Amino acid sequence: MSTLILSLIFSLYPYSDTSDYRNYHQQIIHIEEMIVDEQYDLALDEYVKLFDQYDYIFKRDLKIATDLSLFLKRKEQAVQLVTECLSKGWELKSFQKDKLKDLFSAEEYSNLKQQAPQLHHQYISSLDIDTRKTVHGLFKKDQRKAFRAFLKWGDKAQEKFMDSIFAPHSELQMKTMKQVILSKGYPGEQLIGNNYWGSTVISHHNSLTYDYVKRDTLFPDLKPYLYESLRKGQISPYEMALIEDWKNAVLRDSSSIAFGYVNPPSKQTLQQINKNRKAIGLRSIELRNKLVGIEKKTGLKFYLPNWTKGEIPILEEKGEV
C-alpha cells in the first residue's frame, strides 16, 4: 500500500487512542515511510497533524519535523516549529544558522535569538529537578562502578567484581528506580529532560554476568512498569529496546527479547526482531537503514540511536533471537 493511500486513511480516522503512545510511535513509523519514499511535504503535514493530537511530543520527532520544514522552506510551519523546539529543550545552536537566516528575515532571526533564553528557562522550569538530580546521581554511581570493572584485568577478575561488587550496588539502584517510577513515573525525557541516565542504569543491571542475569528477579519485576511507562509516553521505544537488548546479549536465549542493536540481526532472525520492534513502536531494521540513505542524500538528520553507526548490518549466519 502506498504511503499516499496510508496518509488518506489516517486523515479520515482520528488516532485511535491518544492516551496510548504506542499509537503515536506507530504513526511516526508511517511518517518515516513517507520520508523514505521522498514524500517530504506529505510527511511534514502528517507530523503537524500528529503533534496536535498529543499532549507530549518527543523532542527527537519535533526536531526532525522542524528540520524538514526548513529543508522544504515552508516558512509558516518553520516559524512555529522552531519556536516550539526552543520551548521544549532544543537550543538555537542545534539549528544550522544558514538555514534559519536563509528563511527568516534579519529581524525575525534577531527576535528568535532574544526569545531563546526565556523559552529555554521555561523548559527547565517544567522539569522535575529533584528527580533529575536523583537519577543523575544513580547514573554517576553506575559510571564509577563500571570504570572500576573496566580496570579489572582478565575475564575472571571482571566477573568476580561484577558478582561481588557491582551486583549488590545495582540491586540498590534498581530498587531506587522502582521507587521513582512508582512515585513520579519513569524518569525519562518527559519528566527530567534526559532519556539516557535511567535507561543506562537499567541496562547496566541487565548486562551483568550470565548467571546473575539468568536468576535476576528485579528487572522482571520492573518490566511491567516500564511497559506502562511506554504506553504513557514516559519512556521511548529506543530506551526499551536498549534495556531489553542488553539482557538478550547476555542470555542469547528464548527468555529474552532481541531488537537488533547490541547484536545485529541475521537473515534468519530478522523477521522476529522486526516483530519485536513493531510491538514497542520501533521502526524495522530495513526502515532505519533506508533513513540512513536519506540522511546521506538530503543532509537531514533523523537522530538515529548511535549504538550502531550508519546502517545496521544483516548477517548471513543464523543467530539467536
C-alpha atoms as a PDB file:
ATOM      1  CA  MET A   1       0.000   0.000   0.000  1.00  0.00           C
ATOM      2  CA  SER A   2       1.471   3.391  -0.968  1.00  0.00           C
ATOM      3  CA  THR A   3       2.245   5.991   1.682  1.00  0.00           C
ATOM      4  CA  LEU A   4      -0.179   8.364  -0.053  1.00  0.00           C
ATOM      5  CA  ILE A   5      -3.064   5.936   0.491  1.00  0.00           C
ATOM      6  CA  LEU A   6      -1.904   5.363   4.075  1.00  0.00           C
ATOM      7  CA  SER A   7      -1.976   9.112   4.635  1.00  0.00           C
ATOM      8  CA  LEU A   8      -5.522   9.358   3.293  1.00  0.00           C
ATOM      9  CA  ILE A   9      -6.634   6.539   5.575  1.00  0.00           C
ATOM     10  CA  PHE A  10      -5.101   8.188   8.632  1.00  0.00           C
ATOM     11  CA  SER A  11      -6.630  11.546   7.761  1.00  0.00           C
ATOM     12  CA  LEU A  12     -10.116  10.013   7.625  1.00  0.00           C
ATOM     13  CA  TYR A  13      -9.921   8.490  11.104  1.00  0.00           C
ATOM     14  CA  PRO A  14      -8.763  10.139  14.330  1.00  0.00           C
ATOM     15  CA  TYR A  15      -5.844   8.451  16.064  1.00  0.00           C
ATOM     16  CA  SER A  16      -7.426   5.569  17.927  1.00  0.00           C
ATOM     17  CA  ASP A  17      -6.242   6.367  21.442  1.00  0.00           C
ATOM     18  CA  THR A  18      -4.106   9.406  22.105  1.00  0.00           C
ATOM     19  CA  SER A  19      -3.536   8.316  25.698  1.00  0.00           C
ATOM     20  CA  ASP A  20      -1.581   5.311  24.377  1.00  0.00           C
ATOM     21  CA  TYR A  21       1.766   6.367  22.971  1.00  0.00           C
ATOM     22  CA  ARG A  22       2.235   3.067  21.184  1.00  0.00           C
ATOM     23  CA  ASN A  23      -0.206   4.533  18.636  1.00  0.00           C
ATOM     24  CA  TYR A  24       1.912   7.703  18.498  1.00  0.00           C
ATOM     25  CA  HIS A  25       5.047   5.719  17.698  1.00  0.00           C
ATOM     26  CA  GLN A  26       3.298   3.620  15.057  1.00  0.00           C
ATOM     27  CA  GLN A  27       2.189   6.807  13.340  1.00  0.00           C
ATOM     28  CA  ILE A  28       5.748   8.149  13.469  1.00  0.00           C
ATOM     29  CA  ILE A  29       6.816   4.986  11.645  1.00  0.00           C
ATOM     30  CA  HIS A  30       4.230   5.633   8.897  1.00  0.00           C
ATOM     31  CA  ILE A  31       5.546   9.185   8.529  1.00  0.00           C
ATOM     32  CA  GLU A  32       9.097   7.868   8.220  1.00  0.00           C
ATOM     33  CA  GLU A  33       7.893   5.562   5.451  1.00  0.00           C
ATOM     34  CA  MET A  34       6.677   8.660   3.621  1.00  0.00           C
ATOM     35  CA  ILE A  35      10.108  10.226   4.103  1.00  0.00           C
ATOM     36  CA  VAL A  36      11.990   7.274   2.605  1.00  0.00           C
ATOM     37  CA  ASP A  37       9.558   7.479  -0.337  1.00  0.00           C
ATOM     38  CA  GLU A  38      10.686  11.137  -0.566  1.00  0.00           C
ATOM     39  CA  GLN A  39       7.162  12.446   0.034  1.00  0.00           C
ATOM     40  CA  TYR A  40       8.565  15.177   2.264  1.00  0.00           C
ATOM     41  CA  ASP A  41       5.696  17.677   2.132  1.00  0.00           C
ATOM     42  CA  LEU A  42       3.179  14.982   2.959  1.00  0.00           C
ATOM     43  CA  ALA A  43       5.366  13.779   5.837  1.00  0.00           C
ATOM     44  CA  LEU A  44       5.557  17.295   7.301  1.00  0.00           C
ATOM     45  CA  ASP A  45       1.768  17.670   7.086  1.00  0.00           C
ATOM     46  CA  GLU A  46       1.372  14.389   8.976  1.00  0.00           C
ATOM     47  CA  TYR A  47       3.887  15.444  11.647  1.00  0.00           C
ATOM     48  CA  VAL A  48       1.948  18.651  12.301  1.00  0.00           C
ATOM     49  CA  LYS A  49      -1.347  16.763  12.401  1.00  0.00           C
ATOM     50  CA  LEU A  50       0.064  14.194  14.829  1.00  0.00           C
ATOM     51  CA  PHE A  51       1.564  16.834  17.123  1.00  0.00           C
ATOM     52  CA  ASP A  52      -1.868  18.420  17.501  1.00  0.00           C
ATOM     53  CA  GLN A  53      -3.247  15.130  18.848  1.00  0.00           C
ATOM     54  CA  TYR A  54      -0.842  14.504  21.748  1.00  0.00           C
ATOM     55  CA  ASP A  55      -0.046  16.405  24.922  1.00  0.00           C
ATOM     56  CA  TYR A  56       3.624  15.444  24.869  1.00  0.00           C
ATOM     57  CA  ILE A  57       5.790  15.337  21.744  1.00  0.00           C
ATOM     58  CA  PHE A  58       9.149  13.593  21.838  1.00  0.00           C
ATOM     59  CA  LYS A  59      11.974  16.035  21.240  1.00  0.00           C
ATOM     60  CA  ARG A  60      13.533  13.888  18.522  1.00  0.00           C
ATOM     61  CA  ASP A  61      10.321  13.908  16.449  1.00  0.00           C
ATOM     62  CA  LEU A  62       9.776  17.629  16.965  1.00  0.00           C
ATOM     63  CA  LYS A  63      13.303  18.415  15.776  1.00  0.00           C
ATOM     64  CA  ILE A  64      13.015  16.176  12.713  1.00  0.00           C
ATOM     65  CA  ALA A  65       9.751  17.868  11.699  1.00  0.00           C
ATOM     66  CA  THR A  66      11.346  21.296  12.241  1.00  0.00           C
ATOM     67  CA  ASP A  67      14.403  20.423  10.160  1.00  0.00           C
ATOM     68  CA  LEU A  68      12.061  19.132   7.451  1.00  0.00           C
ATOM     69  CA  SER A  69      10.157  22.431   7.418  1.00  0.00           C
ATOM     70  CA  LEU A  70      13.455  24.301   6.989  1.00  0.00           C
ATOM     71  CA  PHE A  71      14.573  21.886   4.267  1.00  0.00           C
ATOM     72  CA  LEU A  72      11.277  22.455   2.400  1.00  0.00           C
ATOM     73  CA  LYS A  73      11.419  26.214   3.055  1.00  0.00           C
ATOM     74  CA  ARG A  74       7.880  26.171   4.457  1.00  0.00           C
ATOM     75  CA  LYS A  75       8.226  29.312   6.493  1.00  0.00           C
ATOM     76  CA  GLU A  76       4.911  29.317   8.357  1.00  0.00           C
ATOM     77  CA  GLN A  77       5.487  25.844   9.771  1.00  0.00           C
ATOM     78  CA  ALA A  78       9.181  26.567  10.338  1.00  0.00           C
ATOM     79  CA  VAL A  79       8.481  29.623  12.498  1.00  0.00           C
ATOM     80  CA  GLN A  80       6.006  27.679  14.640  1.00  0.00           C
ATOM     81  CA  LEU A  81       8.153  24.571  14.924  1.00  0.00           C
ATOM     82  CA  VAL A  82      11.447  26.332  15.675  1.00  0.00           C
ATOM     83  CA  THR A  83       9.740  28.260  18.471  1.00  0.00           C
ATOM     84  CA  GLU A  84       8.207  25.027  19.768  1.00  0.00           C
ATOM     85  CA  CYS A  85      11.631  23.356  19.700  1.00  0.00           C
ATOM     86  CA  LEU A  86      13.133  26.153  21.767  1.00  0.00           C
ATOM     87  CA  SER A  87      10.335  25.803  24.316  1.00  0.00           C
ATOM     88  CA  LYS A  88      10.893  22.006  24.547  1.00  0.00           C
ATOM     89  CA  GLY A  89      14.606  21.943  25.303  1.00  0.00           C
ATOM     90  CA  TRP A  90      16.351  22.386  21.965  1.00  0.00           C
ATOM     91  CA  GLU A  91      18.808  25.285  21.784  1.00  0.00           C
ATOM     92  CA  LEU A  92      19.216  27.684  18.884  1.00  0.00           C
ATOM     93  CA  LYS A  93      22.741  26.381  18.253  1.00  0.00           C
ATOM     94  CA  SER A  94      21.252  22.969  17.370  1.00  0.00           C
ATOM     95  CA  PHE A  95      19.952  24.516  14.122  1.00  0.00           C
ATOM     96  CA  GLN A  96      22.109  25.372  11.133  1.00  0.00           C
ATOM     97  CA  LYS A  97      22.365  29.154  11.230  1.00  0.00           C
ATOM     98  CA  ASP A  98      22.498  29.479   7.454  1.00  0.00           C
ATOM     99  CA  LYS A  99      19.202  27.610   7.063  1.00  0.00           C
ATOM    100  CA  LEU A 100      17.495  29.892   9.594  1.00  0.00           C
ATOM    101  CA  LYS A 101      18.904  33.060   8.037  1.00  0.00           C
ATOM    102  CA  ASP A 102      18.026  31.823   4.565  1.00  0.00           C
ATOM    103  CA  LEU A 103      14.343  31.529   5.500  1.00  0.00           C
ATOM    104  CA  PHE A 104      13.881  34.196   8.192  1.00  0.00           C
ATOM    105  CA  SER A 105      14.406  37.922   7.835  1.00  0.00           C
ATOM    106  CA  ALA A 106      17.157  39.573   9.878  1.00  0.00           C
ATOM    107  CA  GLU A 107      14.520  40.971  12.247  1.00  0.00           C
ATOM    108  CA  GLU A 108      12.802  37.583  12.645  1.00  0.00           C
ATOM    109  CA  TYR A 109      16.123  35.876  13.367  1.00  0.00           C
ATOM    110  CA  SER A 110      17.048  38.578  15.884  1.00  0.00           C
ATOM    111  CA  ASN A 111      13.705  38.146  17.663  1.00  0.00           C
ATOM    112  CA  LEU A 112      14.284  34.395  17.769  1.00  0.00           C
ATOM    113  CA  LYS A 113      17.681  34.897  19.412  1.00  0.00           C
ATOM    114  CA  GLN A 114      16.106  37.186  22.004  1.00  0.00           C
ATOM    115  CA  GLN A 115      13.308  34.713  22.805  1.00  0.00           C
ATOM    116  CA  ALA A 116      15.552  31.643  23.031  1.00  0.00           C
ATOM    117  CA  PRO A 117      16.940  32.097  26.599  1.00  0.00           C
ATOM    118  CA  GLN A 118      13.485  32.757  28.073  1.00  0.00           C
ATOM    119  CA  LEU A 119      11.966  29.769  26.264  1.00  0.00           C
ATOM    120  CA  HIS A 120      14.786  27.533  27.493  1.00  0.00           C
ATOM    121  CA  HIS A 121      14.308  28.772  31.052  1.00  0.00           C
ATOM    122  CA  GLN A 122      10.601  27.941  30.816  1.00  0.00           C
ATOM    123  CA  TYR A 123      11.522  24.438  29.642  1.00  0.00           C
ATOM    124  CA  ILE A 124      13.925  23.844  32.530  1.00  0.00           C
ATOM    125  CA  SER A 125      11.276  25.108  34.951  1.00  0.00           C
ATOM    126  CA  SER A 126       8.837  22.494  33.632  1.00  0.00           C
ATOM    127  CA  LEU A 127      11.110  19.578  34.622  1.00  0.00           C
ATOM    128  CA  ASP A 128      11.135  17.687  37.910  1.00  0.00           C
ATOM    129  CA  ILE A 129      14.525  18.943  39.054  1.00  0.00           C
ATOM    130  CA  ASP A 130      14.660  16.906  42.280  1.00  0.00           C
ATOM    131  CA  THR A 131      14.011  13.664  40.405  1.00  0.00           C
ATOM    132  CA  ARG A 132      16.501  14.726  37.746  1.00  0.00           C
ATOM    133  CA  LYS A 133      19.196  15.131  40.417  1.00  0.00           C
ATOM    134  CA  THR A 134      18.312  11.747  41.928  1.00  0.00           C
ATOM    135  CA  VAL A 135      18.544   9.867  38.637  1.00  0.00           C
ATOM    136  CA  HIS A 136      21.688  11.709  37.572  1.00  0.00           C
ATOM    137  CA  GLY A 137      23.198  10.633  40.884  1.00  0.00           C
ATOM    138  CA  LEU A 138      22.316   6.992  40.163  1.00  0.00           C
ATOM    139  CA  PHE A 139      23.884   7.304  36.729  1.00  0.00           C
ATOM    140  CA  LYS A 140      27.134   8.757  38.087  1.00  0.00           C
ATOM    141  CA  LYS A 141      27.387   5.986  40.701  1.00  0.00           C
ATOM    142  CA  ASP A 142      26.962   3.415  37.936  1.00  0.00           C
ATOM    143  CA  GLN A 143      29.632   5.046  35.815  1.00  0.00           C
ATOM    144  CA  ARG A 144      32.134   4.928  38.673  1.00  0.00           C
ATOM    145  CA  LYS A 145      31.428   1.233  39.284  1.00  0.00           C
ATOM    146  CA  ALA A 146      31.607   0.461  35.565  1.00  0.00           C
ATOM    147  CA  PHE A 147      35.014   2.163  35.362  1.00  0.00           C
ATOM    148  CA  ARG A 148      36.291   0.043  38.256  1.00  0.00           C
ATOM    149  CA  ALA A 149      35.072  -3.080  36.451  1.00  0.00           C
ATOM    150  CA  PHE A 150      36.882  -1.955  33.300  1.00  0.00           C
ATOM    151  CA  LEU A 151      40.158  -1.712  35.234  1.00  0.00           C
ATOM    152  CA  LYS A 152      39.980  -5.360  36.341  1.00  0.00           C
ATOM    153  CA  TRP A 153      42.423  -7.476  34.378  1.00  0.00           C
ATOM    154  CA  GLY A 154      41.015 -10.636  32.801  1.00  0.00           C
ATOM    155  CA  ASP A 155      37.552 -12.142  32.420  1.00  0.00           C
ATOM    156  CA  LYS A 156      37.590 -13.969  35.769  1.00  0.00           C
ATOM    157  CA  ALA A 157      38.552 -10.832  37.708  1.00  0.00           C
ATOM    158  CA  GLN A 158      35.847  -8.829  35.943  1.00  0.00           C
ATOM    159  CA  GLU A 159      33.189 -11.472  36.604  1.00  0.00           C
ATOM    160  CA  LYS A 160      34.167 -11.651  40.266  1.00  0.00           C
ATOM    161  CA  PHE A 161      33.881  -7.874  40.549  1.00  0.00           C
ATOM    162  CA  MET A 162      30.517  -7.856  38.765  1.00  0.00           C
ATOM    163  CA  ASP A 163      29.057 -10.523  41.060  1.00  0.00           C
ATOM    164  CA  SER A 164      30.547  -9.391  44.374  1.00  0.00           C
ATOM    165  CA  ILE A 165      30.631  -5.592  43.982  1.00  0.00           C
ATOM    166  CA  PHE A 166      28.551  -4.369  41.028  1.00  0.00           C
ATOM    167  CA  ALA A 167      25.538  -6.667  41.519  1.00  0.00           C
ATOM    168  CA  PRO A 168      24.739  -5.577  45.122  1.00  0.00           C
ATOM    169  CA  HIS A 169      25.215  -1.953  44.051  1.00  0.00           C
ATOM    170  CA  SER A 170      22.942  -2.474  41.029  1.00  0.00           C
ATOM    171  CA  GLU A 171      20.223  -4.044  43.174  1.00  0.00           C
ATOM    172  CA  LEU A 172      20.067  -0.874  45.285  1.00  0.00           C
ATOM    173  CA  GLN A 173      19.980   1.208  42.098  1.00  0.00           C
ATOM    174  CA  MET A 174      17.083  -0.819  40.698  1.00  0.00           C
ATOM    175  CA  LYS A 175      15.102  -0.515  43.920  1.00  0.00           C
ATOM    176  CA  THR A 176      15.562   3.259  43.831  1.00  0.00           C
ATOM    177  CA  MET A 177      14.499   3.348  40.181  1.00  0.00           C
ATOM    178  CA  LYS A 178      11.333   1.446  41.038  1.00  0.00           C
ATOM    179  CA  GLN A 179      10.542   3.885  43.856  1.00  0.00           C
ATOM    180  CA  VAL A 180      10.970   6.792  41.439  1.00  0.00           C
ATOM    181  CA  ILE A 181       8.719   5.170  38.827  1.00  0.00           C
ATOM    182  CA  LEU A 182       6.007   4.380  41.379  1.00  0.00           C
ATOM    183  CA  SER A 183       6.033   7.881  42.880  1.00  0.00           C
ATOM    184  CA  LYS A 184       6.833  10.098  39.874  1.00  0.00           C
ATOM    185  CA  GLY A 185       6.640   7.997  36.719  1.00  0.00           C
ATOM    186  CA  TYR A 186       9.541   6.829  34.579  1.00  0.00           C
ATOM    187  CA  PRO A 187      12.396   9.378  34.767  1.00  0.00           C
ATOM    188  CA  GLY A 188      12.948   9.989  31.084  1.00  0.00           C
ATOM    189  CA  GLU A 189      12.770  12.854  28.645  1.00  0.00           C
ATOM    190  CA  GLN A 190       9.253  13.915  29.624  1.00  0.00           C
ATOM    191  CA  LEU A 191       9.874  14.040  33.391  1.00  0.00           C
ATOM    192  CA  ILE A 192      13.532  15.032  33.778  1.00  0.00           C
ATOM    193  CA  GLY A 193      14.610  16.110  30.279  1.00  0.00           C
ATOM    194  CA  ASN A 194      17.026  13.219  29.841  1.00  0.00           C
ATOM    195  CA  ASN A 195      16.461   9.900  28.051  1.00  0.00           C
ATOM    196  CA  TYR A 196      19.844   8.337  28.823  1.00  0.00           C
ATOM    197  CA  TRP A 197      20.562   8.169  32.556  1.00  0.00           C
ATOM    198  CA  GLY A 198      17.681   5.950  33.654  1.00  0.00           C
ATOM    199  CA  SER A 199      17.907   3.519  30.757  1.00  0.00           C
ATOM    200  CA  THR A 200      21.680   3.228  31.261  1.00  0.00           C
ATOM    201  CA  VAL A 201      21.257   2.261  34.912  1.00  0.00           C
ATOM    202  CA  ILE A 202      18.767  -0.487  33.993  1.00  0.00           C
ATOM    203  CA  SER A 203      20.865  -1.595  31.006  1.00  0.00           C
ATOM    204  CA  HIS A 204      23.894  -1.982  33.265  1.00  0.00           C
ATOM    205  CA  HIS A 205      21.828  -4.214  35.530  1.00  0.00           C
ATOM    206  CA  ASN A 206      20.840  -6.349  32.541  1.00  0.00           C
ATOM    207  CA  SER A 207      24.446  -6.684  31.363  1.00  0.00           C
ATOM    208  CA  LEU A 208      25.938  -8.329  34.445  1.00  0.00           C
ATOM    209  CA  THR A 209      27.193 -11.918  34.324  1.00  0.00           C
ATOM    210  CA  TYR A 210      25.198 -14.695  32.687  1.00  0.00           C
ATOM    211  CA  ASP A 211      24.486 -16.464  36.000  1.00  0.00           C
ATOM    212  CA  TYR A 212      23.302 -13.269  37.658  1.00  0.00           C
ATOM    213  CA  VAL A 213      21.061 -12.114  34.784  1.00  0.00           C
ATOM    214  CA  LYS A 214      19.595 -15.620  34.475  1.00  0.00           C
ATOM    215  CA  ARG A 215      18.416 -15.658  38.102  1.00  0.00           C
ATOM    216  CA  ASP A 216      17.632 -11.943  38.418  1.00  0.00           C
ATOM    217  CA  THR A 217      14.135 -11.030  39.629  1.00  0.00           C
ATOM    218  CA  LEU A 218      14.470  -7.238  39.846  1.00  0.00           C
ATOM    219  CA  PHE A 219      14.238  -6.493  36.134  1.00  0.00           C
ATOM    220  CA  PRO A 220      11.295  -8.881  35.561  1.00  0.00           C
ATOM    221  CA  ASP A 221       9.581  -7.143  38.484  1.00  0.00           C
ATOM    222  CA  LEU A 222      10.268  -3.699  36.989  1.00  0.00           C
ATOM    223  CA  LYS A 223       9.366  -4.633  33.426  1.00  0.00           C
ATOM    224  CA  PRO A 224       5.542  -4.218  33.664  1.00  0.00           C
ATOM    225  CA  TYR A 225       6.052  -0.685  34.999  1.00  0.00           C
ATOM    226  CA  LEU A 226       8.377   0.095  32.095  1.00  0.00           C
ATOM    227  CA  TYR A 227       5.805  -1.073  29.557  1.00  0.00           C
ATOM    228  CA  GLU A 228       3.134   1.002  31.279  1.00  0.00           C
ATOM    229  CA  SER A 229       5.540   3.957  31.051  1.00  0.00           C
ATOM    230  CA  LEU A 230       5.895   3.242  27.327  1.00  0.00           C
ATOM    231  CA  ARG A 231       2.119   3.419  26.958  1.00  0.00           C
ATOM    232  CA  LYS A 232       2.088   6.769  28.785  1.00  0.00           C
ATOM    233  CA  GLY A 233       4.874   8.288  26.702  1.00  0.00           C
ATOM    234  CA  GLN A 234       7.292   8.482  29.628  1.00  0.00           C
ATOM    235  CA  ILE A 235       9.877   6.184  28.042  1.00  0.00           C
ATOM    236  CA  SER A 236      10.712   5.852  24.355  1.00  0.00           C
ATOM    237  CA  PRO A 237      10.916   2.663  22.279  1.00  0.00           C
ATOM    238  CA  TYR A 238      14.645   3.336  21.869  1.00  0.00           C
ATOM    239  CA  GLU A 239      15.225   3.106  25.619  1.00  0.00           C
ATOM    240  CA  MET A 240      13.068  -0.018  25.932  1.00  0.00           C
ATOM    241  CA  ALA A 241      14.947  -1.692  23.093  1.00  0.00           C
ATOM    242  CA  LEU A 242      18.359  -0.960  24.589  1.00  0.00           C
ATOM    243  CA  ILE A 243      17.337  -2.205  28.036  1.00  0.00           C
ATOM    244  CA  GLU A 244      15.925  -5.460  26.651  1.00  0.00           C
ATOM    245  CA  ASP A 245      18.703  -5.933  24.105  1.00  0.00           C
ATOM    246  CA  TRP A 246      21.403  -5.960  26.773  1.00  0.00           C
ATOM    247  CA  LYS A 247      19.639  -8.801  28.561  1.00  0.00           C
ATOM    248  CA  ASN A 248      19.387 -10.659  25.264  1.00  0.00           C
ATOM    249  CA  ALA A 249      23.097 -10.043  24.576  1.00  0.00           C
ATOM    250  CA  VAL A 250      23.956 -11.764  27.869  1.00  0.00           C
ATOM    251  CA  LEU A 251      21.495 -14.665  27.722  1.00  0.00           C
ATOM    252  CA  ARG A 252      21.010 -15.202  23.967  1.00  0.00           C
ATOM    253  CA  ASP A 253      18.020 -17.483  24.518  1.00  0.00           C
ATOM    254  CA  SER A 254      14.246 -17.513  24.190  1.00  0.00           C
ATOM    255  CA  SER A 255      13.754 -15.987  27.658  1.00  0.00           C
ATOM    256  CA  SER A 256      14.951 -12.598  26.364  1.00  0.00           C
ATOM    257  CA  ILE A 257      13.870 -10.332  23.529  1.00  0.00           C
ATOM    258  CA  ALA A 258      16.177  -9.118  20.744  1.00  0.00           C
ATOM    259  CA  PHE A 259      15.873  -5.764  18.959  1.00  0.00           C
ATOM    260  CA  GLY A 260      18.989  -5.865  16.786  1.00  0.00           C
ATOM    261  CA  TYR A 261      21.133  -3.187  18.409  1.00  0.00           C
ATOM    262  CA  VAL A 262      23.662  -4.849  20.714  1.00  0.00           C
ATOM    263  CA  ASN A 263      23.836  -7.883  18.419  1.00  0.00           C
ATOM    264  CA  PRO A 264      22.939  -7.298  14.752  1.00  0.00           C
ATOM    265  CA  PRO A 265      20.238  -9.490  13.211  1.00  0.00           C
ATOM    266  CA  SER A 266      20.849 -12.323  10.808  1.00  0.00           C
ATOM    267  CA  LYS A 267      18.655 -13.176   7.842  1.00  0.00           C
ATOM    268  CA  GLN A 268      17.127 -15.939   9.962  1.00  0.00           C
ATOM    269  CA  THR A 269      16.321 -13.719  12.965  1.00  0.00           C
ATOM    270  CA  LEU A 270      15.351 -10.540  11.075  1.00  0.00           C
ATOM    271  CA  GLN A 271      11.619 -11.259  10.868  1.00  0.00           C
ATOM    272  CA  GLN A 272      11.296 -11.946  14.614  1.00  0.00           C
ATOM    273  CA  ILE A 273      13.418  -8.932  15.529  1.00  0.00           C
ATOM    274  CA  ASN A 274      11.246  -6.672  13.370  1.00  0.00           C
ATOM    275  CA  LYS A 275       8.170  -8.158  15.046  1.00  0.00           C
ATOM    276  CA  ASN A 276       9.690  -7.356  18.451  1.00  0.00           C
ATOM    277  CA  ARG A 277      10.466  -3.818  17.335  1.00  0.00           C
ATOM    278  CA  LYS A 278       6.966  -3.225  15.964  1.00  0.00           C
ATOM    279  CA  ALA A 279       5.410  -4.344  19.263  1.00  0.00           C
ATOM    280  CA  ILE A 280       7.026  -1.406  21.091  1.00  0.00           C
ATOM    281  CA  GLY A 281       6.679   1.164  18.294  1.00  0.00           C
ATOM    282  CA  LEU A 282      10.210   0.925  16.941  1.00  0.00           C
ATOM    283  CA  ARG A 283      10.876   1.085  13.197  1.00  0.00           C
ATOM    284  CA  SER A 284      12.039  -2.010  11.312  1.00  0.00           C
ATOM    285  CA  ILE A 285      15.719  -2.616  10.601  1.00  0.00           C
ATOM    286  CA  GLU A 286      15.085  -2.029   6.892  1.00  0.00           C
ATOM    287  CA  LEU A 287      13.340   1.312   7.506  1.00  0.00           C
ATOM    288  CA  ARG A 288      16.153   2.500   9.753  1.00  0.00           C
ATOM    289  CA  ASN A 289      18.698   1.628   7.060  1.00  0.00           C
ATOM    290  CA  LYS A 290      16.689   3.485   4.422  1.00  0.00           C
ATOM    291  CA  LEU A 291      16.614   6.566   6.661  1.00  0.00           C
ATOM    292  CA  VAL A 292      20.422   6.430   6.786  1.00  0.00           C
ATOM    293  CA  GLY A 293      20.353   6.668   2.999  1.00  0.00           C
ATOM    294  CA  ILE A 294      18.009   9.669   3.107  1.00  0.00           C
ATOM    295  CA  GLU A 295      20.340  11.378   5.583  1.00  0.00           C
ATOM    296  CA  LYS A 296      23.218  10.998   3.133  1.00  0.00           C
ATOM    297  CA  LYS A 297      21.114  12.156   0.189  1.00  0.00           C
ATOM    298  CA  THR A 298      19.485  15.227   1.755  1.00  0.00           C
ATOM    299  CA  GLY A 299      21.635  16.257   4.717  1.00  0.00           C
ATOM    300  CA  LEU A 300      18.633  15.819   7.015  1.00  0.00           C
ATOM    301  CA  LYS A 301      19.305  14.214  10.386  1.00  0.00           C
ATOM    302  CA  PHE A 302      16.941  11.667  11.926  1.00  0.00           C
ATOM    303  CA  TYR A 303      18.748  11.309  15.278  1.00  0.00           C
ATOM    304  CA  LEU A 304      19.034   7.559  14.888  1.00  0.00           C
ATOM    305  CA  PRO A 305      20.404   5.848  18.013  1.00  0.00           C
ATOM    306  CA  ASN A 306      24.178   5.759  17.661  1.00  0.00           C
ATOM    307  CA  TRP A 307      24.618   2.350  19.304  1.00  0.00           C
ATOM    308  CA  THR A 308      25.194   1.318  15.682  1.00  0.00           C
ATOM    309  CA  LYS A 309      26.846   3.791  13.311  1.00  0.00           C
ATOM    310  CA  GLY A 310      25.058   4.022   9.999  1.00  0.00           C
ATOM    311  CA  GLU A 311      23.123   1.053   8.707  1.00  0.00           C
ATOM    312  CA  ILE A 312      22.509  -1.963  10.949  1.00  0.00           C
ATOM    313  CA  PRO A 313      24.176  -4.924   9.218  1.00  0.00           C
ATOM    314  CA  ILE A 314      22.102  -8.030   8.500  1.00  0.00           C
ATOM    315  CA  LEU A 315      24.347 -11.050   8.955  1.00  0.00           C
ATOM    316  CA  GLU A 316      24.312 -14.161   6.819  1.00  0.00           C
ATOM    317  CA  GLU A 317      24.717 -16.746   9.571  1.00  0.00           C
ATOM    318  CA  LYS A 318      21.964 -17.844  11.906  1.00  0.00           C
ATOM    319  CA  GLY A 319      21.823 -16.003  15.239  1.00  0.00           C
ATOM    320  CA  GLU A 320      19.818 -16.311  18.389  1.00  0.00           C
ATOM    321  CA  VAL A 321      16.597 -14.358  18.938  1.00  0.00           C
END
